[in-house]
């Protein structure tokens, strides 16, 4: 829903989600929903994939998309620092990396 249409349900708890026959998901209570711009959708997809792969280049490209920067003089430096963050143990919950099987 987020990656295909840009819409998201901001309150997805078990009382608002139902699994229907044929594995279809039904949502209720649309009091808190939102929409993403195409650039934000592209950022979120790339950033999530970059985290799952622990790929500093993908994360750096995603951050530049979010900022609307096609050219950035310090891109190599930014990628270096992103890589340093990725190499620090425990900075991201390990469950995030389990997403990799769904993204690849």
Protein backbone atom coordinates (compact mmCIF):
# COMPACT_ATOMS: atom_id res chain seq x y z
CA UNK A 1 0.00 0.00 0.00
CA UNK A 2 2.80 2.42 0.90
CA UNK A 3 5.13 1.46 -1.91
CA UNK A 4 2.49 1.03 -4.60
CA UNK A 5 0.02 3.83 -3.87
CA UNK A 6 1.78 6.02 -1.29
CA UNK A 7 -0.97 5.71 1.33
CA UNK A 8 -0.49 4.40 4.82
CA UNK A 9 -2.63 3.59 7.84
CA UNK A 10 -1.08 5.33 10.84
CA UNK A 11 -2.75 3.15 13.48
CA UNK A 12 -2.24 -0.49 12.40
CA UNK A 13 -3.01 -2.52 15.51
CA UNK A 14 -4.85 -5.88 15.62
CA UNK A 15 -8.20 -4.17 16.19
CA UNK A 16 -7.85 -2.27 12.91
CA UNK A 17 -6.53 -5.11 10.72
CA UNK A 18 -8.43 -8.20 9.63
CA UNK A 19 -7.32 -11.09 7.46
CA UNK A 20 -10.05 -12.01 4.99
CA UNK A 21 -10.43 -15.17 2.93
CA UNK A 22 -7.79 -15.56 0.19
CA UNK A 23 -5.29 -13.77 2.46
CA UNK A 24 -6.70 -10.32 1.76
CA UNK A 25 -6.17 -7.67 4.41
CA UNK A 26 -9.05 -5.43 5.48
CA UNK A 27 -8.40 -2.16 7.30
CA UNK A 28 -10.84 -0.16 9.40
CA UNK A 29 -10.69 3.10 11.38
CA UNK A 30 -9.22 5.58 8.93
CA UNK A 31 -8.95 8.38 11.48
CA UNK A 32 -5.16 8.41 11.12
CA UNK A 33 -3.98 7.91 7.55
CA UNK A 34 -1.47 9.68 5.38
CA UNK A 35 -0.06 9.91 1.90
CA UNK A 36 3.51 10.12 0.66
CA UNK A 37 4.81 12.08 -2.31
CA UNK A 38 6.53 9.96 -4.99
CA UNK A 39 9.97 11.19 -3.88
CA UNK A 40 9.23 10.17 -0.30
CA UNK A 41 8.06 6.75 -1.49
CA UNK A 42 11.31 6.35 -3.43
CA UNK A 43 13.31 7.43 -0.36
CA UNK A 44 11.50 5.02 1.96
CA UNK A 45 11.93 2.07 -0.40
CA UNK A 46 15.61 2.76 -0.96
CA UNK A 47 16.39 3.53 2.66
CA UNK A 48 14.66 0.36 3.88
CA UNK A 49 16.43 -1.74 1.26
CA UNK A 50 19.75 -0.11 2.15
CA UNK A 51 19.26 -0.94 5.82
CA UNK A 52 18.29 -4.52 5.04
CA UNK A 53 21.38 -4.97 2.88
CA UNK A 54 23.60 -2.81 5.10
CA UNK A 55 24.52 -0.92 1.92
CA UNK A 56 25.84 2.59 2.55
CA UNK A 57 25.61 3.55 -1.14
CA UNK A 58 21.87 2.80 -1.34
CA UNK A 59 21.20 4.65 1.94
CA UNK A 60 23.26 7.64 0.78
CA UNK A 61 21.39 7.80 -2.54
CA UNK A 62 18.09 7.60 -0.63
CA UNK A 63 19.06 10.44 1.69
CA UNK A 64 19.96 12.62 -1.29
CA UNK A 65 16.59 11.79 -2.89
CA UNK A 66 14.85 12.87 0.32
CA UNK A 67 16.78 16.15 0.29
CA UNK A 68 16.08 16.70 -3.39
CA UNK A 69 19.79 16.83 -4.23
CA UNK A 70 20.87 15.31 -7.53
CA UNK A 71 24.44 16.53 -7.11
CA UNK A 72 26.20 16.74 -3.76
CA UNK A 73 29.88 17.64 -3.58
CA UNK A 74 30.46 15.68 -0.37
CA UNK A 75 28.60 12.54 -1.48
CA UNK A 76 31.65 10.32 -0.92
CA UNK A 77 32.10 11.73 2.59
CA UNK A 78 28.41 11.20 3.38
CA UNK A 79 28.61 7.60 2.16
CA UNK A 80 31.71 7.05 4.31
CA UNK A 81 29.90 8.30 7.44
CA UNK A 82 26.79 6.25 6.66
CA UNK A 83 29.05 3.21 6.31
CA UNK A 84 30.65 4.03 9.67
CA UNK A 85 27.17 4.07 11.26
CA UNK A 86 26.33 0.74 9.65
CA UNK A 87 29.52 -0.79 11.05
CA UNK A 88 28.77 0.28 14.61
CA UNK A 89 27.23 -2.71 16.34
CA UNK A 90 23.75 -2.40 17.73
CA UNK A 91 22.77 0.94 16.17
CA UNK A 92 19.82 -0.69 14.37
CA UNK A 93 17.59 -3.34 15.85
CA UNK A 94 18.48 -6.69 14.31
CA UNK A 95 14.84 -7.32 13.42
CA UNK A 96 15.16 -4.66 10.72
CA UNK A 97 17.64 -6.89 8.92
CA UNK A 98 15.08 -9.69 8.86
CA UNK A 99 13.19 -7.53 6.35
CA UNK A 100 15.82 -8.48 3.81
CA UNK A 101 14.02 -11.70 2.88
CA UNK A 102 10.91 -9.70 1.94
CA UNK A 103 12.75 -7.02 -0.01
CA UNK A 104 15.01 -9.07 -2.24
